PDB file of N, CA and C in Angstrom:
ATOM      1  N   MET A   1     -23.931 -58.154  60.415  1.00  0.00           N
ATOM      2  CA  MET A   1     -23.576 -57.296  59.568  1.00  0.00           C
ATOM      3  C   MET A   1     -24.085 -57.086  57.958  1.00  0.00           C
ATOM      4  N   ALA A   2     -24.689 -56.149  57.840  1.00  0.00           N
ATOM      5  CA  ALA A   2     -25.205 -55.985  56.431  1.00  0.00           C
ATOM      6  C   ALA A   2     -23.984 -55.737  55.242  1.00  0.00           C
ATOM      7  N   GLN A   3     -24.718 -56.325  54.144  1.00  0.00           N
ATOM      8  CA  GLN A   3     -23.754 -56.346  52.989  1.00  0.00           C
ATOM      9  C   GLN A   3     -23.061 -55.163  52.853  1.00  0.00           C
ATOM     10  N   ASP A   4     -23.941 -54.231  52.798  1.00  0.00           N
ATOM     11  CA  ASP A   4     -23.202 -52.560  52.499  1.00  0.00           C
ATOM     12  C   ASP A   4     -22.025 -52.252  53.798  1.00  0.00           C
ATOM     13  N   GLU A   5     -22.643 -52.436  54.834  1.00  0.00           N
ATOM     14  CA  GLU A   5     -21.651 -52.035  55.983  1.00  0.00           C
ATOM     15  C   GLU A   5     -20.342 -52.917  55.928  1.00  0.00           C
ATOM     16  N   GLN A   6     -20.413 -54.319  55.484  1.00  0.00           N
ATOM     17  CA  GLN A   6     -19.549 -54.874  55.389  1.00  0.00           C
ATOM     18  C   GLN A   6     -18.590 -54.706  54.168  1.00  0.00           C
ATOM     19  N   SER A   7     -19.053 -54.162  52.983  1.00  0.00           N
ATOM     20  CA  SER A   7     -17.987 -54.000  52.142  1.00  0.00           C
ATOM     21  C   SER A   7     -17.382 -52.546  52.557  1.00  0.00           C
ATOM     22  N   ARG A   8     -18.209 -51.658  53.063  1.00  0.00           N
ATOM     23  CA  ARG A   8     -17.611 -50.399  53.394  1.00  0.00           C
ATOM     24  C   ARG A   8     -16.529 -50.547  54.678  1.00  0.00           C
ATOM     25  N   TYR A   9     -16.604 -51.553  55.460  1.00  0.00           N
ATOM     26  CA  TYR A   9     -15.640 -52.015  56.500  1.00  0.00           C
ATOM     27  C   TYR A   9     -14.218 -52.601  55.816  1.00  0.00           C
ATOM     28  N   ILE A  10     -14.510 -53.351  54.976  1.00  0.00           N
ATOM     29  CA  ILE A  10     -13.488 -54.124  54.038  1.00  0.00           C
ATOM     30  C   ILE A  10     -13.107 -53.251  53.294  1.00  0.00           C
ATOM     31  N   SER A  11     -13.336 -52.323  52.518  1.00  0.00           N
ATOM     32  CA  SER A  11     -12.809 -51.283  51.655  1.00  0.00           C
ATOM     33  C   SER A  11     -12.122 -50.544  52.720  1.00  0.00           C
ATOM     34  N   GLY A  12     -12.401 -50.255  53.919  1.00  0.00           N
ATOM     35  CA  GLY A  12     -12.027 -49.144  54.799  1.00  0.00           C
ATOM     36  C   GLY A  12     -10.461 -49.891  55.221  1.00  0.00           C
ATOM     37  N   MET A  13     -10.357 -51.566  55.001  1.00  0.00           N
ATOM     38  CA  MET A  13      -9.163 -51.737  55.572  1.00  0.00           C
ATOM     39  C   MET A  13      -8.104 -51.667  54.620  1.00  0.00           C
ATOM     40  N   ASN A  14      -8.591 -51.068  53.014  1.00  0.00           N
ATOM     41  CA  ASN A  14      -7.224 -51.083  52.404  1.00  0.00           C
ATOM     42  C   ASN A  14      -6.588 -50.257  52.317  1.00  0.00           C
ATOM     43  N   ALA A  15      -4.816 -50.217  52.867  1.00  0.00           N
ATOM     44  CA  ALA A  15      -4.034 -49.112  53.062  1.00  0.00           C
ATOM     45  C   ALA A  15      -4.033 -48.261  52.063  1.00  0.00           C
ATOM     46  N   PHE A  16      -4.410 -48.880  50.617  1.00  0.00           N
ATOM     47  CA  PHE A  16      -4.680 -47.757  49.354  1.00  0.00           C
ATOM     48  C   PHE A  16      -5.605 -46.728  49.638  1.00  0.00           C
ATOM     49  N   ASP A  17      -6.645 -47.177  50.283  1.00  0.00           N
ATOM     50  CA  ASP A  17      -7.793 -46.153  50.509  1.00  0.00           C
ATOM     51  C   ASP A  17      -7.675 -44.985  51.637  1.00  0.00           C
ATOM     52  N   LEU A  18      -6.497 -45.441  52.777  1.00  0.00           N
ATOM     53  CA  LEU A  18      -6.373 -44.369  53.696  1.00  0.00           C
ATOM     54  C   LEU A  18      -5.850 -43.269  53.408  1.00  0.00           C
ATOM     55  N   PRO A  19      -6.353 -42.124  54.113  1.00  0.00           N
ATOM     56  CA  PRO A  19      -5.600 -40.685  53.743  1.00  0.00           C
ATOM     57  C   PRO A  19      -4.169 -40.828  54.570  1.00  0.00           C
ATOM     58  N   GLU A  20      -3.131 -40.042  53.858  1.00  0.00           N
ATOM     59  CA  GLU A  20      -2.133 -39.878  54.108  1.00  0.00           C
ATOM     60  C   GLU A  20      -1.779 -39.120  55.467  1.00  0.00           C
ATOM     61  N   ILE A  21      -1.307 -39.737  56.634  1.00  0.00           N
ATOM     62  CA  ILE A  21      -1.176 -38.923  57.753  1.00  0.00           C
ATOM     63  C   ILE A  21       0.275 -38.800  58.501  1.00  0.00           C
ATOM     64  N   GLU A  22       0.416 -37.318  58.699  1.00  0.00           N
ATOM     65  CA  GLU A  22       1.486 -37.238  58.972  1.00  0.00           C
ATOM     66  C   GLU A  22       2.157 -37.788  60.237  1.00  0.00           C
ATOM     67  N   THR A  23       3.006 -38.123  60.744  1.00  0.00           N
ATOM     68  CA  THR A  23       3.822 -39.128  61.627  1.00  0.00           C
ATOM     69  C   THR A  23       5.240 -38.584  62.320  1.00  0.00           C
ATOM     70  N   PRO A  24       5.370 -38.583  63.474  1.00  0.00           N
ATOM     71  CA  PRO A  24       6.584 -38.361  63.515  1.00  0.00           C
ATOM     72  C   PRO A  24       7.540 -39.651  63.848  1.00  0.00           C
ATOM     73  N   CYS A  25       7.095 -40.561  63.383  1.00  0.00           N
ATOM     74  CA  CYS A  25       7.697 -41.639  63.682  1.00  0.00           C
ATOM     75  C   CYS A  25       8.921 -41.669  62.687  1.00  0.00           C
ATOM     76  N   VAL A  26      10.263 -41.991  63.430  1.00  0.00           N
ATOM     77  CA  VAL A  26      11.601 -42.294  62.587  1.00  0.00           C
ATOM     78  C   VAL A  26      12.118 -43.684  62.308  1.00  0.00           C
ATOM     79  N   LYS A  27      11.101 -44.726  62.761  1.00  0.00           N
ATOM     80  CA  LYS A  27      11.081 -46.377  62.599  1.00  0.00           C
ATOM     81  C   LYS A  27      12.150 -46.637  63.804  1.00  0.00           C
ATOM     82  N   VAL A  28      12.305 -46.052  64.710  1.00  0.00           N
ATOM     83  CA  VAL A  28      13.161 -46.417  66.015  1.00  0.00           C
ATOM     84  C   VAL A  28      12.290 -46.563  67.174  1.00  0.00           C
ATOM     85  N   CYS A  29      11.757 -47.745  67.249  1.00  0.00           N
ATOM     86  CA  CYS A  29      10.541 -47.750  68.227  1.00  0.00           C
ATOM     87  C   CYS A  29      11.011 -48.541  69.590  1.00  0.00           C
ATOM     88  N   VAL A  30      11.471 -47.970  70.483  1.00  0.00           N
ATOM     89  CA  VAL A  30      12.102 -48.266  71.640  1.00  0.00           C
ATOM     90  C   VAL A  30      11.680 -47.445  72.606  1.00  0.00           C
ATOM     91  N   VAL A  31      10.655 -47.940  73.548  1.00  0.00           N
ATOM     92  CA  VAL A  31      10.235 -47.249  74.637  1.00  0.00           C
ATOM     93  C   VAL A  31      10.866 -47.517  76.119  1.00  0.00           C
ATOM     94  N   ASP A  32      11.456 -46.124  76.468  1.00  0.00           N
ATOM     95  CA  ASP A  32      12.301 -45.742  77.619  1.00  0.00           C
ATOM     96  C   ASP A  32      11.356 -46.519  78.657  1.00  0.00           C
ATOM     97  N   PRO A  33      11.682 -47.168  79.641  1.00  0.00           N
ATOM     98  CA  PRO A  33      11.053 -47.661  80.638  1.00  0.00           C
ATOM     99  C   PRO A  33      10.898 -46.762  81.721  1.00  0.00           C
ATOM    100  N   GLU A  34      11.399 -45.875  81.887  1.00  0.00           N
ATOM    101  CA  GLU A  34      11.576 -45.140  83.196  1.00  0.00           C
ATOM    102  C   GLU A  34      10.585 -43.717  82.656  1.00  0.00           C
ATOM    103  N   THR A  35      10.294 -43.264  81.517  1.00  0.00           N
ATOM    104  CA  THR A  35       9.560 -42.120  81.038  1.00  0.00           C
ATOM    105  C   THR A  35       8.498 -42.571  80.476  1.00  0.00           C
ATOM    106  N   GLY A  36       8.403 -43.867  79.490  1.00  0.00           N
ATOM    107  CA  GLY A  36       7.775 -44.325  78.867  1.00  0.00           C
ATOM    108  C   GLY A  36       7.523 -43.560  77.539  1.00  0.00           C
ATOM    109  N   PHE A  37       8.516 -42.656  77.255  1.00  0.00           N
ATOM    110  CA  PHE A  37       8.429 -42.188  75.508  1.00  0.00           C
ATOM    111  C   PHE A  37       9.072 -42.836  74.999  1.00  0.00           C
ATOM    112  N   CYS A  38       8.954 -43.184  73.636  1.00  0.00           N
ATOM    113  CA  CYS A  38       9.839 -43.536  72.672  1.00  0.00           C
ATOM    114  C   CYS A  38      10.946 -42.850  72.183  1.00  0.00           C
ATOM    115  N   ILE A  39      12.073 -43.834  72.369  1.00  0.00           N
ATOM    116  CA  ILE A  39      13.193 -42.928  72.051  1.00  0.00           C
ATOM    117  C   ILE A  39      13.300 -42.282  70.706  1.00  0.00           C
ATOM    118  N   GLY A  40      12.625 -42.634  69.668  1.00  0.00           N
ATOM    119  CA  GLY A  40      12.775 -42.404  68.627  1.00  0.00           C
ATOM    120  C   GLY A  40      12.314 -41.059  68.362  1.00  0.00           C
ATOM    121  N   CYS A  41      10.715 -41.256  68.583  1.00  0.00           N
ATOM    122  CA  CYS A  41       9.901 -40.052  68.220  1.00  0.00           C
ATOM    123  C   CYS A  41       9.419 -39.485  69.419  1.00  0.00           C
ATOM    124  N   GLY A  42       9.580 -39.677  70.726  1.00  0.00           N
ATOM    125  CA  GLY A  42       9.129 -39.024  71.945  1.00  0.00           C
ATOM    126  C   GLY A  42       7.924 -39.297  72.495  1.00  0.00           C
ATOM    127  N   ARG A  43       7.053 -39.941  71.358  1.00  0.00           N
ATOM    128  CA  ARG A  43       5.485 -40.291  71.576  1.00  0.00           C
ATOM    129  C   ARG A  43       5.529 -41.470  72.964  1.00  0.00           C
ATOM    130  N   THR A  44       4.238 -41.724  73.632  1.00  0.00           N
ATOM    131  CA  THR A  44       3.971 -42.433  74.599  1.00  0.00           C
ATOM    132  C   THR A  44       3.143 -43.426  73.741  1.00  0.00           C
ATOM    133  N   ARG A  45       3.307 -44.717  74.319  1.00  0.00           N
ATOM    134  CA  ARG A  45       2.566 -46.140  73.821  1.00  0.00           C
ATOM    135  C   ARG A  45       1.135 -45.593  73.231  1.00  0.00           C
ATOM    136  N   GLY A  46       0.479 -44.969  74.613  1.00  0.00           N
ATOM    137  CA  GLY A  46      -0.906 -44.733  73.801  1.00  0.00           C
ATOM    138  C   GLY A  46      -0.869 -43.768  73.025  1.00  0.00           C
ATOM    139  N   GLU A  47      -0.107 -42.961  72.853  1.00  0.00           N
ATOM    140  CA  GLU A  47      -0.121 -41.950  71.459  1.00  0.00           C
ATOM    141  C   GLU A  47       0.093 -42.502  70.377  1.00  0.00           C
ATOM    142  N   ILE A  48       1.046 -43.430  70.413  1.00  0.00           N
ATOM    143  CA  ILE A  48       1.419 -44.298  69.038  1.00  0.00           C
ATOM    144  C   ILE A  48       0.295 -44.987  68.492  1.00  0.00           C
ATOM    145  N   GLY A  49      -0.472 -45.675  69.733  1.00  0.00           N
ATOM    146  CA  GLY A  49      -1.283 -46.772  69.280  1.00  0.00           C
ATOM    147  C   GLY A  49      -2.734 -45.952  68.744  1.00  0.00           C
ATOM    148  N   SER A  50      -2.578 -45.056  69.225  1.00  0.00           N
ATOM    149  CA  SER A  50      -4.091 -44.128  69.010  1.00  0.00           C
ATOM    150  C   SER A  50      -4.062 -42.929  68.003  1.00  0.00           C
ATOM    151  N   TRP A  51      -2.798 -42.892  67.360  1.00  0.00           N
ATOM    152  CA  TRP A  51      -2.569 -41.974  66.524  1.00  0.00           C
ATOM    153  C   TRP A  51      -3.668 -41.537  65.308  1.00  0.00           C
ATOM    154  N   LEU A  52      -3.410 -42.831  64.596  1.00  0.00           N
ATOM    155  CA  LEU A  52      -4.692 -42.680  63.489  1.00  0.00           C
ATOM    156  C   LEU A  52      -6.216 -42.342  63.680  1.00  0.00           C
ATOM    157  N   GLY A  53      -6.452 -42.435  64.969  1.00  0.00           N
ATOM    158  CA  GLY A  53      -7.985 -41.871  65.765  1.00  0.00           C
ATOM    159  C   GLY A  53      -8.001 -40.601  65.892  1.00  0.00           C
ATOM    160  N   LEU A  54      -6.755 -40.100  66.550  1.00  0.00           N
ATOM    161  CA  LEU A  54      -6.779 -38.744  66.975  1.00  0.00           C
ATOM    162  C   LEU A  54      -7.042 -37.624  65.725  1.00  0.00           C
ATOM    163  N   THR A  55      -7.846 -36.715  66.157  1.00  0.00           N
ATOM    164  CA  THR A  55      -7.884 -35.292  65.303  1.00  0.00           C
ATOM    165  C   THR A  55      -6.684 -34.586  64.957  1.00  0.00           C
ATOM    166  N   PRO A  56      -6.742 -33.912  63.733  1.00  0.00           N
ATOM    167  CA  PRO A  56      -5.343 -33.267  63.344  1.00  0.00           C
ATOM    168  C   PRO A  56      -4.834 -32.410  64.544  1.00  0.00           C
ATOM    169  N   ASP A  57      -5.772 -31.732  65.166  1.00  0.00           N
ATOM    170  CA  ASP A  57      -5.193 -30.963  66.295  1.00  0.00           C
ATOM    171  C   ASP A  57      -4.952 -31.552  67.510  1.00  0.00           C
ATOM    172  N   GLU A  58      -5.203 -32.766  67.902  1.00  0.00           N
ATOM    173  CA  GLU A  58      -4.678 -33.212  68.818  1.00  0.00           C
ATOM    174  C   GLU A  58      -3.297 -33.888  68.376  1.00  0.00           C
ATOM    175  N   ARG A  59      -3.541 -34.491  66.799  1.00  0.00           N
ATOM    176  CA  ARG A  59      -2.109 -34.830  66.638  1.00  0.00           C
ATOM    177  C   ARG A  59      -1.065 -33.794  66.642  1.00  0.00           C
ATOM    178  N   HIS A  60      -1.209 -32.558  65.797  1.00  0.00           N
ATOM    179  CA  HIS A  60      -0.461 -31.266  66.082  1.00  0.00           C
ATOM    180  C   HIS A  60       0.285 -30.891  67.712  1.00  0.00           C
ATOM    181  N   ALA A  61      -1.008 -30.906  68.702  1.00  0.00           N
ATOM    182  CA  ALA A  61      -0.516 -30.414  69.942  1.00  0.00           C
ATOM    183  C   ALA A  61       0.602 -31.403  70.531  1.00  0.00           C
ATOM    184  N   ILE A  62       0.370 -33.055  70.474  1.00  0.00           N
ATOM    185  CA  ILE A  62       1.256 -34.040  70.587  1.00  0.00           C
ATOM    186  C   ILE A  62       2.610 -33.460  70.106  1.00  0.00           C
ATOM    187  N   VAL A  63       2.767 -33.336  68.378  1.00  0.00           N
ATOM    188  CA  VAL A  63       3.892 -33.376  68.143  1.00  0.00           C
ATOM    189  C   VAL A  63       4.967 -31.596  68.508  1.00  0.00           C
ATOM    190  N   GLN A  64       3.765 -30.669  69.075  1.00  0.00           N
ATOM    191  CA  GLN A  64       4.450 -29.777  69.497  1.00  0.00           C
ATOM    192  C   GLN A  64       5.356 -29.998  70.945  1.00  0.00           C
ATOM    193  N   SER A  65       5.080 -30.861  71.716  1.00  0.00           N
ATOM    194  CA  SER A  65       5.840 -31.041  72.989  1.00  0.00           C
ATOM    195  C   SER A  65       6.912 -32.327  72.776  1.00  0.00           C
ATOM    196  N   LEU A  66       7.253 -32.938  71.415  1.00  0.00           N
ATOM    197  CA  LEU A  66       7.751 -33.959  71.106  1.00  0.00           C
ATOM    198  C   LEU A  66       9.302 -33.534  71.150  1.00  0.00           C
ATOM    199  N   GLY A  67       9.530 -32.200  70.783  1.00  0.00           N
ATOM    200  CA  GLY A  67      11.281 -31.813  70.786  1.00  0.00           C
ATOM    201  C   GLY A  67      11.676 -31.976  72.443  1.00  0.00           C
ATOM    202  N   GLU A  68      10.627 -31.328  73.440  1.00  0.00           N
ATOM    203  CA  GLU A  68      11.455 -31.134  74.593  1.00  0.00           C
ATOM    204  C   GLU A  68      11.471 -32.645  75.095  1.00  0.00           C
ATOM    205  N   ARG A  69      10.445 -33.367  74.853  1.00  0.00           N
ATOM    206  CA  ARG A  69      10.239 -34.764  75.331  1.00  0.00           C
ATOM    207  C   ARG A  69      11.571 -35.776  75.043  1.00  0.00           C
ATOM    208  N   VAL A  70      11.903 -35.531  73.476  1.00  0.00           N
ATOM    209  CA  VAL A  70      13.319 -36.168  73.417  1.00  0.00           C
ATOM    210  C   VAL A  70      14.789 -35.437  73.718  1.00  0.00           C
ATOM    211  N   GLU A  71      14.419 -34.363  73.587  1.00  0.00           N
ATOM    212  CA  GLU A  71      15.720 -33.793  74.471  1.00  0.00           C
ATOM    213  C   GLU A  71      15.981 -34.004  75.875  1.00  0.00           C
ATOM    214  N   THR A  72      14.881 -34.317  76.364  1.00  0.00           N
ATOM    215  CA  THR A  72      15.007 -34.602  77.884  1.00  0.00           C
ATOM    216  C   THR A  72      15.494 -36.176  78.131  1.00  0.00           C
ATOM    217  N   LEU A  73      14.919 -36.992  76.979  1.00  0.00           N
ATOM    218  CA  LEU A  73      15.703 -38.379  77.241  1.00  0.00           C
ATOM    219  C   LEU A  73      16.900 -38.450  76.490  1.00  0.00           C
ATOM    220  N   THR A  74      17.706 -37.542  76.077  1.00  0.00           N
ATOM    221  CA  THR A  74      18.737 -37.675  75.683  1.00  0.00           C
ATOM    222  C   THR A  74      19.837 -36.624  76.498  1.00  0.00           C
ATOM    223  N   GLN A  75      18.772 -35.968  77.520  1.00  0.00           N
ATOM    224  CA  GLN A  75      19.842 -35.588  78.527  1.00  0.00           C
ATOM    225  C   GLN A  75      19.992 -36.420  79.856  1.00  0.00           C
ATOM    226  N   ARG A  76      18.949 -37.132  79.973  1.00  0.00           N
ATOM    227  CA  ARG A  76      18.758 -38.171  80.916  1.00  0.00           C
ATOM    228  C   ARG A  76      19.571 -39.567  80.799  1.00  0.00           C
ATOM    229  N   LYS A  77      19.552 -39.789  79.612  1.00  0.00           N
ATOM    230  CA  LYS A  77      20.182 -41.079  79.000  1.00  0.00           C
ATOM    231  C   LYS A  77      21.738 -40.974  78.874  1.00  0.00           C
ATOM    232  N   ARG A  78      22.571 -41.675  79.092  1.00  0.00           N
ATOM    233  CA  ARG A  78      24.030 -41.929  78.625  1.00  0.00           C
ATOM    234  C   ARG A  78      24.208 -43.147  77.821  1.00  0.00           C
ATOM    235  N   ARG A  79      24.811 -43.378  76.685  1.00  0.00           N
ATOM    236  CA  ARG A  79      25.083 -44.537  76.283  1.00  0.00           C
ATOM    237  C   ARG A  79      26.355 -45.109  77.224  1.00  0.00           C
ATOM    238  N   ARG A  80      25.731 -46.465  77.332  1.00  0.00           N
ATOM    239  CA  ARG A  80      26.625 -47.210  78.162  1.00  0.00           C
ATOM    240  C   ARG A  80      27.694 -48.041  76.951  1.00  0.00           C
ATOM    241  N   GLY A  81      27.214 -47.927  75.856  1.00  0.00           N
ATOM    242  CA  GLY A  81      27.998 -49.404  74.941  1.00  0.00           C
ATOM    243  C   GLY A  81      29.111 -48.205  74.002  1.00  0.00           C
ATOM    244  N   GLY A  82      29.200 -48.807  72.789  1.00  0.00           N
ATOM    245  CA  GLY A  82      30.002 -48.250  71.472  1.00  0.00           C
ATOM    246  C   GLY A  82      31.340 -48.243  71.723  1.00  0.00           C
ATOM    247  N   ARG A  83      31.941 -47.678  70.990  1.00  0.00           N
ATOM    248  CA  ARG A  83      33.641 -47.500  70.726  1.00  0.00           C
ATOM    249  C   ARG A  83      34.354 -47.258  72.088  1.00  0.00           C
ATOM    250  N   GLN A  84      33.799 -46.171  72.561  1.00  0.00           N
ATOM    251  CA  GLN A  84      34.455 -45.569  74.077  1.00  0.00           C
ATOM    252  C   GLN A  84      34.344 -46.752  74.929  1.00  0.00           C
ATOM    253  N   ALA A  85      33.195 -47.461  75.257  1.00  0.00           N
ATOM    254  CA  ALA A  85      33.212 -48.458  76.301  1.00  0.00           C
ATOM    255  C   ALA A  85      34.289 -49.489  76.175  1.00  0.00           C
ATOM    256  N   ARG A  86      34.007 -50.154  74.386  1.00  0.00           N
ATOM    257  CA  ARG A  86      35.233 -50.929  73.926  1.00  0.00           C
ATOM    258  C   ARG A  86      36.408 -50.880  74.304  1.00  0.00           C
ATOM    259  N   LEU A  87      36.904 -49.434  74.141  1.00  0.00           N
ATOM    260  CA  LEU A  87      38.220 -49.000  74.314  1.00  0.00           C
ATOM    261  C   LEU A  87      38.612 -49.253  75.672  1.00  0.00           C
ATOM    262  N   HIS A  88      37.876 -48.966  76.533  1.00  0.00           N
ATOM    263  CA  HIS A  88      38.178 -48.846  77.889  1.00  0.00           C
ATOM    264  C   HIS A  88      38.186 -50.380  78.351  1.00  0.00           C
ATOM    265  N   LEU A  89      37.666 -51.412  77.689  1.00  0.00           N
ATOM    266  CA  LEU A  89      38.025 -52.706  78.161  1.00  0.00           C
ATOM    267  C   LEU A  89      39.077 -53.314  77.824  1.00  0.00           C
ATOM    268  N   LEU A  90      40.106 -52.767  76.559  1.00  0.00           N
ATOM    269  CA  LEU A  90      41.117 -53.291  76.507  1.00  0.00           C
ATOM    270  C   LEU A  90      42.257 -53.198  77.168  1.00  0.00           C
TER     271      LEU A  90
END
């Protein structure tokens, strides 16, 4: 790798130089094994992994479908624990 290319590559790794990219991530990163969707944001593993490489239009198209995905997840899943379950055990 030439010196100029190497400098550009290394400077590109600096997080302070990266443009700010909107993300639907809510820091609840658990992928549902049945659907393949993250229960926090609704994206697939592939979408999460490629997010920074997607165009703004591609990200926008994914974001448009997330509300329906997350709603579907919450309809299919029922909590199995929590206070209610503990009360039934007593």
